[in-house]
Amino acid sequence: MADPITILTASAIANLAFQEFIKSGAGELAKKFTAEAIAKMSDLRKIIVAKLQGKSPKVDEALVKATQGDSTALDTIAKNLDVLMDDEPEFAAEVKVIAHEINIGKIQDNSSMIQNNYDNAKGWQTKVEGGTAYVGEIHINQPKDS
């Protein structure tokens, strides 16, 4: 099994670093992360900004937009962060460790979900923290050859 620190992508790291600006405020963030993890997000962001700032006007603009809550700017930041992490393994190791510490501070949702289905009904219950959730069934009926 891969070490969790090594599987963090530049995109995931950029998302963690700018999470407090992208999400709908500190209240929502406090529901998902511990205070220590939120403080580490600030540290991670400062390290990333210090390395990326001044690289190009497009990157500088993306950094400003991300701090203003524009999630589309994260793509530009992630691409440049990925290149920087490839070029500087020490920097990559540093940001991966901080990102891993932030992930450790994620508050887990251990709530239960109860569903009662009757009369051959089907139901799906999901908890999605990120990404795309595909819920349901797909039936593809092939036409019969005549």
N, C-alpha and C. Protein backbone atom coordinates (compact mmCIF):
# COMPACT_ATOMS: atom_id res chain seq x y z
N MET A 1 0.83 -1.18 0.00
CA MET A 1 0.00 0.00 0.00
C MET A 1 0.88 1.24 0.00
N ALA A 2 0.48 2.24 -0.79
CA ALA A 2 1.26 3.46 -0.92
C ALA A 2 1.17 4.30 0.36
N ASP A 3 2.25 4.98 0.65
CA ASP A 3 2.28 5.88 1.79
C ASP A 3 1.32 7.04 1.52
N PRO A 4 0.41 7.38 2.46
CA PRO A 4 -0.57 8.44 2.20
C PRO A 4 0.05 9.78 1.87
N ILE A 5 1.26 10.03 2.35
CA ILE A 5 1.92 11.30 2.07
C ILE A 5 2.31 11.38 0.59
N THR A 6 2.68 10.26 -0.02
CA THR A 6 3.13 10.29 -1.40
C THR A 6 1.98 10.36 -2.40
N ILE A 7 0.75 10.03 -2.00
CA ILE A 7 -0.34 10.03 -2.97
C ILE A 7 -1.07 11.37 -3.05
N LEU A 8 -0.67 12.35 -2.30
CA LEU A 8 -1.29 13.67 -2.38
C LEU A 8 -0.86 14.36 -3.67
N THR A 9 -1.83 14.73 -4.48
CA THR A 9 -1.53 15.40 -5.75
C THR A 9 -1.40 16.90 -5.53
N ALA A 10 -0.84 17.57 -6.52
CA ALA A 10 -0.71 19.02 -6.44
C ALA A 10 -2.08 19.67 -6.37
N SER A 11 -3.03 19.11 -7.07
CA SER A 11 -4.40 19.64 -7.05
C SER A 11 -5.01 19.53 -5.65
N ALA A 12 -4.83 18.38 -5.01
CA ALA A 12 -5.36 18.19 -3.65
C ALA A 12 -4.67 19.13 -2.66
N ILE A 13 -3.38 19.32 -2.83
CA ILE A 13 -2.62 20.20 -1.94
C ILE A 13 -3.07 21.65 -2.12
N ALA A 14 -3.23 22.09 -3.38
CA ALA A 14 -3.70 23.46 -3.64
C ALA A 14 -5.10 23.66 -3.06
N ASN A 15 -5.94 22.65 -3.19
CA ASN A 15 -7.30 22.74 -2.66
C ASN A 15 -7.27 22.90 -1.13
N LEU A 16 -6.42 22.13 -0.47
CA LEU A 16 -6.31 22.26 0.99
C LEU A 16 -5.77 23.63 1.40
N ALA A 17 -4.79 24.12 0.65
CA ALA A 17 -4.16 25.39 1.01
C ALA A 17 -5.13 26.57 0.91
N PHE A 18 -6.02 26.53 -0.08
CA PHE A 18 -6.93 27.66 -0.30
C PHE A 18 -8.36 27.35 0.13
N GLN A 19 -8.53 26.27 0.88
CA GLN A 19 -9.85 25.82 1.29
C GLN A 19 -10.66 26.88 2.04
N GLU A 20 -10.02 27.62 2.93
CA GLU A 20 -10.77 28.59 3.73
C GLU A 20 -11.32 29.73 2.89
N PHE A 21 -10.74 29.98 1.72
CA PHE A 21 -11.26 31.03 0.84
C PHE A 21 -12.30 30.47 -0.12
N ILE A 22 -12.12 29.24 -0.55
CA ILE A 22 -12.99 28.63 -1.54
C ILE A 22 -14.31 28.19 -0.92
N LYS A 23 -14.26 27.59 0.24
CA LYS A 23 -15.48 27.12 0.90
C LYS A 23 -16.28 28.31 1.40
N SER A 24 -17.48 28.06 1.83
CA SER A 24 -18.40 29.15 2.18
C SER A 24 -18.15 29.71 3.58
N GLY A 25 -16.93 30.06 3.87
CA GLY A 25 -16.64 30.74 5.13
C GLY A 25 -16.02 29.84 6.18
N ALA A 26 -15.55 30.48 7.22
CA ALA A 26 -14.85 29.78 8.30
C ALA A 26 -15.77 28.85 9.07
N GLY A 27 -17.04 29.18 9.15
CA GLY A 27 -17.98 28.33 9.89
C GLY A 27 -18.11 26.96 9.26
N GLU A 28 -18.23 26.92 7.94
CA GLU A 28 -18.31 25.65 7.23
C GLU A 28 -17.01 24.86 7.35
N LEU A 29 -15.90 25.57 7.27
CA LEU A 29 -14.60 24.92 7.38
C LEU A 29 -14.40 24.33 8.77
N ALA A 30 -14.86 25.03 9.80
CA ALA A 30 -14.73 24.55 11.18
C ALA A 30 -15.54 23.29 11.42
N LYS A 31 -16.57 23.08 10.63
CA LYS A 31 -17.37 21.85 10.77
C LYS A 31 -16.64 20.64 10.19
N LYS A 32 -15.66 20.87 9.32
CA LYS A 32 -15.00 19.77 8.63
C LYS A 32 -13.56 19.53 9.09
N PHE A 33 -12.94 20.55 9.71
CA PHE A 33 -11.54 20.42 10.11
C PHE A 33 -11.35 20.93 11.54
N THR A 34 -10.34 20.39 12.21
CA THR A 34 -9.99 20.87 13.55
C THR A 34 -9.31 22.23 13.44
N ALA A 35 -9.22 22.94 14.55
CA ALA A 35 -8.57 24.25 14.56
C ALA A 35 -7.10 24.14 14.15
N GLU A 36 -6.44 23.06 14.57
CA GLU A 36 -5.03 22.86 14.21
C GLU A 36 -4.88 22.68 12.70
N ALA A 37 -5.80 21.93 12.11
CA ALA A 37 -5.74 21.70 10.67
C ALA A 37 -5.97 23.00 9.91
N ILE A 38 -6.89 23.82 10.37
CA ILE A 38 -7.16 25.11 9.72
C ILE A 38 -5.93 26.02 9.81
N ALA A 39 -5.25 26.00 10.94
CA ALA A 39 -4.02 26.79 11.10
C ALA A 39 -2.94 26.31 10.14
N LYS A 40 -2.86 24.99 9.95
CA LYS A 40 -1.86 24.43 9.03
C LYS A 40 -2.19 24.78 7.58
N MET A 41 -3.48 24.96 7.27
CA MET A 41 -3.87 25.40 5.92
C MET A 41 -3.25 26.75 5.61
N SER A 42 -3.28 27.63 6.60
CA SER A 42 -2.69 28.95 6.43
C SER A 42 -1.18 28.84 6.20
N ASP A 43 -0.51 27.98 6.97
CA ASP A 43 0.93 27.76 6.80
C ASP A 43 1.24 27.22 5.40
N LEU A 44 0.45 26.23 4.98
CA LEU A 44 0.65 25.62 3.67
C LEU A 44 0.47 26.66 2.57
N ARG A 45 -0.57 27.47 2.69
CA ARG A 45 -0.84 28.50 1.68
C ARG A 45 0.32 29.49 1.61
N LYS A 46 0.85 29.92 2.76
CA LYS A 46 1.95 30.88 2.78
C LYS A 46 3.19 30.31 2.08
N ILE A 47 3.47 29.04 2.31
CA ILE A 47 4.63 28.39 1.68
C ILE A 47 4.44 28.33 0.17
N ILE A 48 3.24 27.95 -0.27
CA ILE A 48 2.96 27.84 -1.70
C ILE A 48 3.01 29.20 -2.37
N VAL A 49 2.40 30.20 -1.75
CA VAL A 49 2.40 31.55 -2.32
C VAL A 49 3.82 32.08 -2.43
N ALA A 50 4.63 31.87 -1.40
CA ALA A 50 6.02 32.34 -1.42
C ALA A 50 6.80 31.72 -2.58
N LYS A 51 6.53 30.45 -2.90
CA LYS A 51 7.25 29.78 -3.98
C LYS A 51 6.73 30.17 -5.36
N LEU A 52 5.41 30.36 -5.47
CA LEU A 52 4.82 30.60 -6.78
C LEU A 52 4.76 32.08 -7.17
N GLN A 53 4.70 32.96 -6.18
CA GLN A 53 4.55 34.38 -6.46
C GLN A 53 5.72 34.90 -7.27
N GLY A 54 5.41 35.64 -8.33
CA GLY A 54 6.45 36.21 -9.18
C GLY A 54 6.88 35.31 -10.32
N LYS A 55 6.34 34.09 -10.40
CA LYS A 55 6.71 33.17 -11.48
C LYS A 55 6.18 33.67 -12.83
N SER A 56 4.94 34.17 -12.82
CA SER A 56 4.35 34.72 -14.04
C SER A 56 3.13 35.55 -13.64
N PRO A 57 2.74 36.50 -14.49
CA PRO A 57 1.55 37.30 -14.18
C PRO A 57 0.29 36.45 -14.05
N LYS A 58 0.20 35.38 -14.84
CA LYS A 58 -0.97 34.51 -14.79
C LYS A 58 -1.06 33.80 -13.43
N VAL A 59 0.07 33.35 -12.92
CA VAL A 59 0.11 32.69 -11.60
C VAL A 59 -0.23 33.68 -10.50
N ASP A 60 0.34 34.88 -10.59
CA ASP A 60 0.05 35.91 -9.59
C ASP A 60 -1.45 36.24 -9.57
N GLU A 61 -2.05 36.33 -10.75
CA GLU A 61 -3.48 36.60 -10.85
C GLU A 61 -4.29 35.46 -10.24
N ALA A 62 -3.87 34.22 -10.50
CA ALA A 62 -4.57 33.06 -9.95
C ALA A 62 -4.48 33.03 -8.43
N LEU A 63 -3.33 33.40 -7.88
CA LEU A 63 -3.17 33.44 -6.43
C LEU A 63 -4.12 34.46 -5.80
N VAL A 64 -4.24 35.62 -6.43
CA VAL A 64 -5.15 36.65 -5.93
C VAL A 64 -6.59 36.17 -6.03
N LYS A 65 -6.95 35.60 -7.18
CA LYS A 65 -8.33 35.12 -7.37
C LYS A 65 -8.68 34.03 -6.37
N ALA A 66 -7.75 33.13 -6.10
CA ALA A 66 -8.01 32.04 -5.15
C ALA A 66 -8.26 32.58 -3.76
N THR A 67 -7.52 33.62 -3.36
CA THR A 67 -7.75 34.20 -2.03
C THR A 67 -9.04 35.01 -1.98
N GLN A 68 -9.62 35.30 -3.16
CA GLN A 68 -10.91 35.98 -3.21
C GLN A 68 -12.06 34.99 -3.36
N GLY A 69 -11.74 33.68 -3.35
CA GLY A 69 -12.79 32.67 -3.39
C GLY A 69 -13.09 32.07 -4.75
N ASP A 70 -12.28 32.37 -5.76
CA ASP A 70 -12.50 31.85 -7.10
C ASP A 70 -11.88 30.46 -7.23
N SER A 71 -12.71 29.43 -7.23
CA SER A 71 -12.19 28.05 -7.28
C SER A 71 -11.60 27.70 -8.63
N THR A 72 -11.95 28.42 -9.69
CA THR A 72 -11.38 28.12 -11.00
C THR A 72 -9.89 28.45 -11.05
N ALA A 73 -9.43 29.34 -10.20
CA ALA A 73 -8.01 29.71 -10.16
C ALA A 73 -7.15 28.56 -9.63
N LEU A 74 -7.77 27.61 -8.93
CA LEU A 74 -7.00 26.50 -8.36
C LEU A 74 -6.36 25.63 -9.45
N ASP A 75 -6.96 25.56 -10.63
CA ASP A 75 -6.37 24.78 -11.72
C ASP A 75 -5.00 25.32 -12.11
N THR A 76 -4.91 26.62 -12.27
CA THR A 76 -3.64 27.26 -12.62
C THR A 76 -2.62 27.06 -11.51
N ILE A 77 -3.06 27.24 -10.28
CA ILE A 77 -2.15 27.05 -9.14
C ILE A 77 -1.67 25.61 -9.07
N ALA A 78 -2.58 24.66 -9.24
CA ALA A 78 -2.23 23.24 -9.16
C ALA A 78 -1.24 22.84 -10.25
N LYS A 79 -1.45 23.33 -11.47
CA LYS A 79 -0.53 22.99 -12.57
C LYS A 79 0.87 23.50 -12.29
N ASN A 80 0.97 24.74 -11.83
CA ASN A 80 2.28 25.32 -11.53
C ASN A 80 2.90 24.68 -10.29
N LEU A 81 2.08 24.34 -9.32
CA LEU A 81 2.57 23.66 -8.13
C LEU A 81 3.11 22.28 -8.48
N ASP A 82 2.43 21.59 -9.39
CA ASP A 82 2.87 20.26 -9.83
C ASP A 82 4.26 20.33 -10.47
N VAL A 83 4.47 21.31 -11.32
CA VAL A 83 5.78 21.49 -11.96
C VAL A 83 6.84 21.80 -10.92
N LEU A 84 6.51 22.69 -10.01
CA LEU A 84 7.45 23.08 -8.96
C LEU A 84 7.80 21.88 -8.07
N MET A 85 6.80 21.05 -7.76
CA MET A 85 7.04 19.88 -6.92
C MET A 85 7.92 18.86 -7.63
N ASP A 86 7.79 18.76 -8.96
CA ASP A 86 8.67 17.87 -9.73
C ASP A 86 10.10 18.37 -9.74
N ASP A 87 10.26 19.70 -9.85
CA ASP A 87 11.59 20.30 -9.92
C ASP A 87 12.31 20.37 -8.58
N GLU A 88 11.54 20.48 -7.50
CA GLU A 88 12.14 20.64 -6.17
C GLU A 88 11.58 19.59 -5.21
N PRO A 89 12.23 18.42 -5.13
CA PRO A 89 11.73 17.34 -4.28
C PRO A 89 11.66 17.69 -2.79
N GLU A 90 12.57 18.56 -2.32
CA GLU A 90 12.53 18.95 -0.90
C GLU A 90 11.26 19.76 -0.61
N PHE A 91 10.94 20.67 -1.52
CA PHE A 91 9.73 21.47 -1.38
C PHE A 91 8.50 20.56 -1.44
N ALA A 92 8.51 19.62 -2.37
CA ALA A 92 7.39 18.68 -2.51
C ALA A 92 7.18 17.90 -1.22
N ALA A 93 8.27 17.42 -0.64
CA ALA A 93 8.16 16.66 0.61
C ALA A 93 7.60 17.53 1.73
N GLU A 94 8.03 18.78 1.79
CA GLU A 94 7.56 19.69 2.84
C GLU A 94 6.05 19.94 2.73
N VAL A 95 5.57 20.26 1.52
CA VAL A 95 4.14 20.55 1.38
C VAL A 95 3.29 19.29 1.53
N LYS A 96 3.83 18.14 1.14
CA LYS A 96 3.07 16.89 1.30
C LYS A 96 2.90 16.54 2.78
N VAL A 97 3.92 16.78 3.57
CA VAL A 97 3.82 16.51 5.01
C VAL A 97 2.77 17.41 5.64
N ILE A 98 2.79 18.70 5.31
CA ILE A 98 1.81 19.62 5.88
C ILE A 98 0.41 19.24 5.43
N ALA A 99 0.25 18.92 4.14
CA ALA A 99 -1.07 18.53 3.62
C ALA A 99 -1.57 17.26 4.31
N HIS A 100 -0.67 16.33 4.56
CA HIS A 100 -1.04 15.10 5.26
C HIS A 100 -1.50 15.42 6.69
N GLU A 101 -0.81 16.34 7.36
CA GLU A 101 -1.21 16.74 8.71
C GLU A 101 -2.59 17.40 8.70
N ILE A 102 -2.89 18.15 7.64
CA ILE A 102 -4.22 18.76 7.51
C ILE A 102 -5.27 17.67 7.34
N ASN A 103 -4.99 16.69 6.50
CA ASN A 103 -5.94 15.59 6.29
C ASN A 103 -6.19 14.80 7.56
N ILE A 104 -5.18 14.67 8.40
CA ILE A 104 -5.34 13.98 9.68
C ILE A 104 -6.32 14.75 10.55
N GLY A 105 -6.35 16.09 10.41
CA GLY A 105 -7.23 16.93 11.20
C GLY A 105 -8.64 17.06 10.65
N LYS A 106 -8.95 16.25 9.67
CA LYS A 106 -10.31 16.28 9.11
C LYS A 106 -11.26 15.60 10.08
N ILE A 107 -12.37 16.25 10.34
CA ILE A 107 -13.37 15.70 11.25
C ILE A 107 -14.21 14.69 10.49
N GLN A 108 -14.27 13.48 11.03
CA GLN A 108 -15.00 12.41 10.36
C GLN A 108 -16.48 12.47 10.71
N ASP A 109 -17.28 12.20 9.71
CA ASP A 109 -18.73 12.14 9.90
C ASP A 109 -19.08 10.70 10.23
N ASN A 110 -19.37 10.44 11.47
CA ASN A 110 -19.72 9.09 11.92
C ASN A 110 -21.22 8.95 12.17
N SER A 111 -21.99 9.84 11.58
CA SER A 111 -23.43 9.77 11.78
C SER A 111 -23.99 8.56 11.02
N SER A 112 -25.10 8.07 11.51
CA SER A 112 -25.71 6.91 10.85
C SER A 112 -26.84 7.36 9.94
N MET A 113 -27.14 6.52 9.00
CA MET A 113 -28.23 6.81 8.08
C MET A 113 -29.17 5.60 8.11
N ILE A 114 -30.46 5.86 8.24
CA ILE A 114 -31.45 4.79 8.29
C ILE A 114 -32.45 5.02 7.17
N GLN A 115 -32.75 3.94 6.48
CA GLN A 115 -33.72 4.02 5.40
C GLN A 115 -34.61 2.79 5.44
N ASN A 116 -35.90 2.98 5.34
CA ASN A 116 -36.84 1.87 5.29
C ASN A 116 -37.49 1.84 3.91
N ASN A 117 -37.33 0.73 3.22
CA ASN A 117 -37.92 0.58 1.90
C ASN A 117 -38.98 -0.52 1.94
N TYR A 118 -40.10 -0.26 1.32
CA TYR A 118 -41.20 -1.22 1.31
C TYR A 118 -41.63 -1.50 -0.12
N ASP A 119 -42.32 -2.63 -0.30
CA ASP A 119 -42.91 -3.00 -1.59
C ASP A 119 -41.89 -3.02 -2.73
N ASN A 120 -40.80 -3.69 -2.51
CA ASN A 120 -39.74 -3.85 -3.52
C ASN A 120 -39.13 -2.53 -3.98
N ALA A 121 -39.23 -1.50 -3.18
CA ALA A 121 -38.63 -0.22 -3.52
C ALA A 121 -37.11 -0.29 -3.34
N LYS A 122 -36.41 0.52 -4.08
CA LYS A 122 -34.96 0.60 -3.94
C LYS A 122 -34.60 2.00 -3.47
N GLY A 123 -33.57 2.08 -2.68
CA GLY A 123 -33.13 3.39 -2.20
C GLY A 123 -31.62 3.40 -2.05
N TRP A 124 -31.04 4.57 -2.22
CA TRP A 124 -29.60 4.72 -2.08
C TRP A 124 -29.32 5.82 -1.07
N GLN A 125 -28.35 5.58 -0.24
CA GLN A 125 -27.89 6.59 0.70
C GLN A 125 -26.41 6.79 0.47
N THR A 126 -25.99 8.02 0.38
CA THR A 126 -24.58 8.30 0.12
C THR A 126 -24.10 9.45 0.99
N LYS A 127 -22.83 9.42 1.29
CA LYS A 127 -22.14 10.54 1.92
C LYS A 127 -20.97 10.86 1.00
N VAL A 128 -20.98 12.03 0.44
CA VAL A 128 -19.95 12.41 -0.52
C VAL A 128 -19.21 13.61 0.03
N GLU A 129 -17.88 13.51 0.10
CA GLU A 129 -17.08 14.61 0.61
C GLU A 129 -16.42 15.41 -0.50
N GLY A 130 -16.35 14.87 -1.65
CA GLY A 130 -15.73 15.58 -2.76
C GLY A 130 -15.79 14.72 -3.99
N GLY A 131 -15.66 15.32 -5.12
CA GLY A 131 -15.70 14.56 -6.35
C GLY A 131 -17.11 14.36 -6.84
N THR A 132 -17.29 13.37 -7.65
CA THR A 132 -18.58 13.09 -8.26
C THR A 132 -19.14 11.80 -7.71
N ALA A 133 -20.39 11.84 -7.35
CA ALA A 133 -21.07 10.63 -6.87
C ALA A 133 -22.04 10.17 -7.94
N TYR A 134 -21.88 8.95 -8.37
CA TYR A 134 -22.80 8.35 -9.31
C TYR A 134 -23.71 7.42 -8.52
N VAL A 135 -24.96 7.78 -8.42
CA VAL A 135 -25.89 7.05 -7.58
C VAL A 135 -27.03 6.53 -8.45
N GLY A 136 -27.36 5.26 -8.27
CA GLY A 136 -28.49 4.69 -8.98
C GLY A 136 -28.09 3.51 -9.83
N GLU A 137 -28.99 3.13 -10.69
CA GLU A 137 -28.76 1.99 -11.57
C GLU A 137 -28.86 2.44 -13.02
N ILE A 138 -28.14 1.76 -13.85
CA ILE A 138 -28.23 2.01 -15.27
C ILE A 138 -28.63 0.69 -15.93
N HIS A 139 -29.68 0.70 -16.71
CA HIS A 139 -30.13 -0.49 -17.45
C HIS A 139 -29.99 -0.20 -18.93
N ILE A 140 -29.25 -1.03 -19.60
CA ILE A 140 -29.10 -0.89 -21.04
C ILE A 140 -29.71 -2.14 -21.67
N ASN A 141 -30.78 -1.96 -22.37
CA ASN A 141 -31.46 -3.08 -23.02
C ASN A 141 -31.04 -3.14 -24.48
N GLN A 142 -30.36 -4.20 -24.81
CA GLN A 142 -29.93 -4.39 -26.19
C GLN A 142 -31.10 -4.90 -27.03
N PRO A 143 -31.26 -4.38 -28.25
CA PRO A 143 -32.34 -4.90 -29.10
C PRO A 143 -32.05 -6.34 -29.49
N LYS A 144 -33.10 -7.13 -29.53
CA LYS A 144 -32.94 -8.53 -29.91
C LYS A 144 -32.76 -8.64 -31.41
N ASP A 145 -31.85 -9.52 -31.81
CA ASP A 145 -31.64 -9.74 -33.24
C ASP A 145 -32.85 -10.48 -33.80
N SER A 146 -33.36 -10.03 -34.94
CA SER A 146 -34.51 -10.70 -35.53
C SER A 146 -34.11 -11.67 -36.59
